[in-house]
Amino acid sequence: MAKPTGVTEARDELGDTVDRVARNGQRVTLTRRGKAVAAIVSTDDLELLEALEERGDVEDARAALRKGGFIPLAKVKARLGL
């Protein structure tokens, strides 16, 4: 679970915050007025999130193709005036 940290505290202790994330794999949720606004995660976590997102995009594209959602590139360009 991500440790909640105020934005001001994280800014003041940025080096320590980055070290906790990079060395320990800790996730840090940045808060502003008690509300989560962003997160700091390791590059390993980011790569995993991006891979999952890409996999979802590929699955969505395959589903669209199965449903007949394919539009030739030339037609798309013509519709956009390119």
N, C-alpha and C. Protein backbone atom coordinates (compact mmCIF):
# COMPACT_ATOMS: atom_id res chain seq x y z
N MET A 1 0.85 -1.19 0.00
CA MET A 1 0.00 0.00 0.00
C MET A 1 0.89 1.24 0.00
N ALA A 2 0.47 2.24 -0.72
CA ALA A 2 1.24 3.48 -0.83
C ALA A 2 1.14 4.28 0.46
N LYS A 3 2.27 4.84 0.85
CA LYS A 3 2.32 5.66 2.06
C LYS A 3 1.86 7.07 1.70
N PRO A 4 0.79 7.58 2.34
CA PRO A 4 0.37 8.96 2.06
C PRO A 4 1.42 9.97 2.54
N THR A 5 1.76 10.90 1.69
CA THR A 5 2.74 11.92 2.00
C THR A 5 2.24 13.24 1.43
N GLY A 6 2.27 14.28 2.24
CA GLY A 6 1.87 15.59 1.76
C GLY A 6 2.84 16.08 0.69
N VAL A 7 2.33 16.83 -0.27
CA VAL A 7 3.16 17.35 -1.36
C VAL A 7 4.31 18.19 -0.79
N THR A 8 4.02 19.03 0.18
CA THR A 8 5.07 19.87 0.77
C THR A 8 6.14 19.02 1.43
N GLU A 9 5.73 18.01 2.18
CA GLU A 9 6.69 17.11 2.83
C GLU A 9 7.53 16.38 1.80
N ALA A 10 6.90 15.89 0.74
CA ALA A 10 7.64 15.19 -0.31
C ALA A 10 8.64 16.11 -0.99
N ARG A 11 8.24 17.36 -1.22
CA ARG A 11 9.14 18.33 -1.85
C ARG A 11 10.34 18.59 -0.95
N ASP A 12 10.08 18.78 0.34
CA ASP A 12 11.15 19.06 1.28
C ASP A 12 12.09 17.88 1.46
N GLU A 13 11.56 16.67 1.25
CA GLU A 13 12.35 15.46 1.46
C GLU A 13 12.43 14.65 0.17
N LEU A 14 12.52 15.32 -0.97
CA LEU A 14 12.46 14.65 -2.26
C LEU A 14 13.50 13.54 -2.40
N GLY A 15 14.74 13.82 -2.02
CA GLY A 15 15.79 12.81 -2.13
C GLY A 15 15.46 11.56 -1.35
N ASP A 16 15.00 11.72 -0.11
CA ASP A 16 14.63 10.57 0.72
C ASP A 16 13.42 9.84 0.15
N THR A 17 12.46 10.60 -0.36
CA THR A 17 11.27 9.99 -0.95
C THR A 17 11.64 9.15 -2.16
N VAL A 18 12.47 9.69 -3.04
CA VAL A 18 12.90 8.95 -4.23
C VAL A 18 13.69 7.72 -3.84
N ASP A 19 14.55 7.83 -2.83
CA ASP A 19 15.32 6.67 -2.36
C ASP A 19 14.40 5.56 -1.87
N ARG A 20 13.36 5.92 -1.10
CA ARG A 20 12.42 4.90 -0.59
C ARG A 20 11.74 4.18 -1.75
N VAL A 21 11.39 4.93 -2.77
CA VAL A 21 10.72 4.34 -3.93
C VAL A 21 11.70 3.48 -4.74
N ALA A 22 12.86 4.04 -5.05
CA ALA A 22 13.82 3.35 -5.92
C ALA A 22 14.45 2.13 -5.24
N ARG A 23 14.81 2.26 -4.00
CA ARG A 23 15.53 1.17 -3.32
C ARG A 23 14.61 0.12 -2.72
N ASN A 24 13.49 0.55 -2.19
CA ASN A 24 12.61 -0.37 -1.46
C ASN A 24 11.36 -0.73 -2.24
N GLY A 25 11.16 -0.11 -3.39
CA GLY A 25 9.96 -0.38 -4.16
C GLY A 25 8.71 0.17 -3.51
N GLN A 26 8.90 1.06 -2.54
CA GLN A 26 7.75 1.65 -1.85
C GLN A 26 7.00 2.57 -2.80
N ARG A 27 5.69 2.57 -2.69
CA ARG A 27 4.87 3.49 -3.47
C ARG A 27 4.45 4.62 -2.54
N VAL A 28 4.50 5.84 -3.05
CA VAL A 28 4.17 7.01 -2.24
C VAL A 28 3.02 7.75 -2.91
N THR A 29 1.95 7.93 -2.17
CA THR A 29 0.82 8.70 -2.65
C THR A 29 0.98 10.13 -2.16
N LEU A 30 0.99 11.08 -3.07
CA LEU A 30 1.12 12.48 -2.70
C LEU A 30 -0.27 13.04 -2.44
N THR A 31 -0.39 13.76 -1.35
CA THR A 31 -1.68 14.33 -0.97
C THR A 31 -1.58 15.85 -0.88
N ARG A 32 -2.73 16.46 -1.13
CA ARG A 32 -2.85 17.91 -0.98
C ARG A 32 -4.17 18.13 -0.24
N ARG A 33 -4.06 18.76 0.92
CA ARG A 33 -5.23 18.97 1.79
C ARG A 33 -5.95 17.66 2.09
N GLY A 34 -5.14 16.61 2.30
CA GLY A 34 -5.69 15.31 2.67
C GLY A 34 -6.24 14.48 1.53
N LYS A 35 -6.19 15.01 0.30
CA LYS A 35 -6.73 14.29 -0.85
C LYS A 35 -5.59 13.80 -1.74
N ALA A 36 -5.62 12.53 -2.13
CA ALA A 36 -4.60 11.97 -3.02
C ALA A 36 -4.65 12.68 -4.37
N VAL A 37 -3.49 13.16 -4.82
CA VAL A 37 -3.43 13.89 -6.10
C VAL A 37 -2.45 13.29 -7.09
N ALA A 38 -1.50 12.48 -6.63
CA ALA A 38 -0.50 11.88 -7.51
C ALA A 38 0.20 10.76 -6.76
N ALA A 39 1.07 10.05 -7.48
CA ALA A 39 1.82 8.97 -6.85
C ALA A 39 3.23 8.93 -7.41
N ILE A 40 4.15 8.47 -6.59
CA ILE A 40 5.51 8.21 -7.04
C ILE A 40 5.71 6.70 -6.93
N VAL A 41 6.07 6.08 -8.07
CA VAL A 41 6.28 4.64 -8.10
C VAL A 41 7.63 4.35 -8.74
N SER A 42 8.13 3.16 -8.52
CA SER A 42 9.41 2.78 -9.12
C SER A 42 9.25 2.63 -10.63
N THR A 43 10.36 2.67 -11.33
CA THR A 43 10.31 2.48 -12.77
C THR A 43 9.82 1.07 -13.12
N ASP A 44 10.12 0.08 -12.27
CA ASP A 44 9.60 -1.27 -12.50
C ASP A 44 8.07 -1.27 -12.47
N ASP A 45 7.49 -0.60 -11.46
CA ASP A 45 6.03 -0.50 -11.38
C ASP A 45 5.46 0.24 -12.58
N LEU A 46 6.11 1.31 -12.99
CA LEU A 46 5.64 2.08 -14.15
C LEU A 46 5.65 1.23 -15.41
N GLU A 47 6.73 0.48 -15.62
CA GLU A 47 6.81 -0.38 -16.80
C GLU A 47 5.70 -1.43 -16.79
N LEU A 48 5.40 -1.99 -15.61
CA LEU A 48 4.32 -2.96 -15.49
C LEU A 48 2.97 -2.31 -15.82
N LEU A 49 2.73 -1.12 -15.28
CA LEU A 49 1.48 -0.42 -15.57
C LEU A 49 1.34 -0.12 -17.06
N GLU A 50 2.43 0.31 -17.67
CA GLU A 50 2.39 0.61 -19.11
C GLU A 50 2.15 -0.64 -19.93
N ALA A 51 2.77 -1.77 -19.53
CA ALA A 51 2.55 -3.03 -20.25
C ALA A 51 1.11 -3.48 -20.12
N LEU A 52 0.53 -3.34 -18.94
CA LEU A 52 -0.87 -3.71 -18.74
C LEU A 52 -1.79 -2.82 -19.56
N GLU A 53 -1.47 -1.53 -19.60
CA GLU A 53 -2.27 -0.59 -20.40
C GLU A 53 -2.19 -0.94 -21.88
N GLU A 54 -0.99 -1.24 -22.36
CA GLU A 54 -0.81 -1.60 -23.76
C GLU A 54 -1.54 -2.90 -24.08
N ARG A 55 -1.47 -3.85 -23.18
CA ARG A 55 -2.17 -5.13 -23.40
C ARG A 55 -3.67 -4.89 -23.51
N GLY A 56 -4.19 -4.02 -22.66
CA GLY A 56 -5.61 -3.68 -22.73
C GLY A 56 -5.97 -3.03 -24.05
N ASP A 57 -5.08 -2.14 -24.53
CA ASP A 57 -5.32 -1.48 -25.82
C ASP A 57 -5.35 -2.50 -26.96
N VAL A 58 -4.42 -3.45 -26.92
CA VAL A 58 -4.35 -4.49 -27.95
C VAL A 58 -5.62 -5.34 -27.91
N GLU A 59 -6.04 -5.72 -26.71
CA GLU A 59 -7.26 -6.53 -26.57
C GLU A 59 -8.49 -5.76 -27.08
N ASP A 60 -8.55 -4.46 -26.78
CA ASP A 60 -9.66 -3.64 -27.28
C ASP A 60 -9.64 -3.56 -28.80
N ALA A 61 -8.46 -3.41 -29.39
CA ALA A 61 -8.35 -3.33 -30.84
C ALA A 61 -8.77 -4.65 -31.48
N ARG A 62 -8.36 -5.77 -30.89
CA ARG A 62 -8.76 -7.08 -31.44
C ARG A 62 -10.28 -7.25 -31.35
N ALA A 63 -10.86 -6.84 -30.24
CA ALA A 63 -12.32 -6.96 -30.08
C ALA A 63 -13.03 -6.10 -31.12
N ALA A 64 -12.52 -4.90 -31.37
CA ALA A 64 -13.13 -4.02 -32.37
C ALA A 64 -13.04 -4.64 -33.76
N LEU A 65 -11.90 -5.26 -34.06
CA LEU A 65 -11.75 -5.91 -35.37
C LEU A 65 -12.72 -7.08 -35.51
N ARG A 66 -12.91 -7.84 -34.43
CA ARG A 66 -13.85 -8.97 -34.48
C ARG A 66 -15.28 -8.48 -34.72
N LYS A 67 -15.58 -7.29 -34.23
CA LYS A 67 -16.92 -6.72 -34.39
C LYS A 67 -17.07 -5.97 -35.71
N GLY A 68 -16.04 -6.00 -36.53
CA GLY A 68 -16.12 -5.29 -37.80
C GLY A 68 -15.78 -3.82 -37.66
N GLY A 69 -15.00 -3.46 -36.68
CA GLY A 69 -14.66 -2.07 -36.42
C GLY A 69 -13.49 -1.55 -37.23
N PHE A 70 -13.06 -2.31 -38.24
CA PHE A 70 -11.91 -1.91 -39.04
C PHE A 70 -12.30 -0.86 -40.07
N ILE A 71 -11.54 0.22 -40.11
CA ILE A 71 -11.73 1.26 -41.13
C ILE A 71 -10.38 1.44 -41.82
N PRO A 72 -10.32 1.28 -43.13
CA PRO A 72 -9.05 1.43 -43.84
C PRO A 72 -8.45 2.82 -43.60
N LEU A 73 -7.12 2.86 -43.52
CA LEU A 73 -6.41 4.11 -43.25
C LEU A 73 -6.76 5.19 -44.27
N ALA A 74 -6.87 4.82 -45.53
CA ALA A 74 -7.21 5.80 -46.57
C ALA A 74 -8.54 6.47 -46.30
N LYS A 75 -9.50 5.69 -45.79
CA LYS A 75 -10.82 6.24 -45.48
C LYS A 75 -10.75 7.20 -44.29
N VAL A 76 -9.97 6.84 -43.31
CA VAL A 76 -9.78 7.71 -42.14
C VAL A 76 -9.16 9.03 -42.56
N LYS A 77 -8.11 8.94 -43.38
CA LYS A 77 -7.45 10.15 -43.87
C LYS A 77 -8.42 11.03 -44.66
N ALA A 78 -9.22 10.39 -45.49
CA ALA A 78 -10.18 11.17 -46.29
C ALA A 78 -11.19 11.88 -45.38
N ARG A 79 -11.67 11.18 -44.37
CA ARG A 79 -12.63 11.79 -43.43
C ARG A 79 -12.02 12.97 -42.69
N LEU A 80 -10.72 12.87 -42.40
CA LEU A 80 -10.03 13.95 -41.67
C LEU A 80 -9.46 15.00 -42.59
N GLY A 81 -9.58 14.79 -43.88
CA GLY A 81 -9.06 15.77 -44.82
C GLY A 81 -7.55 15.77 -44.90
N LEU A 82 -6.96 14.62 -44.70
CA LEU A 82 -5.49 14.51 -44.75
C LEU A 82 -5.01 13.96 -46.06
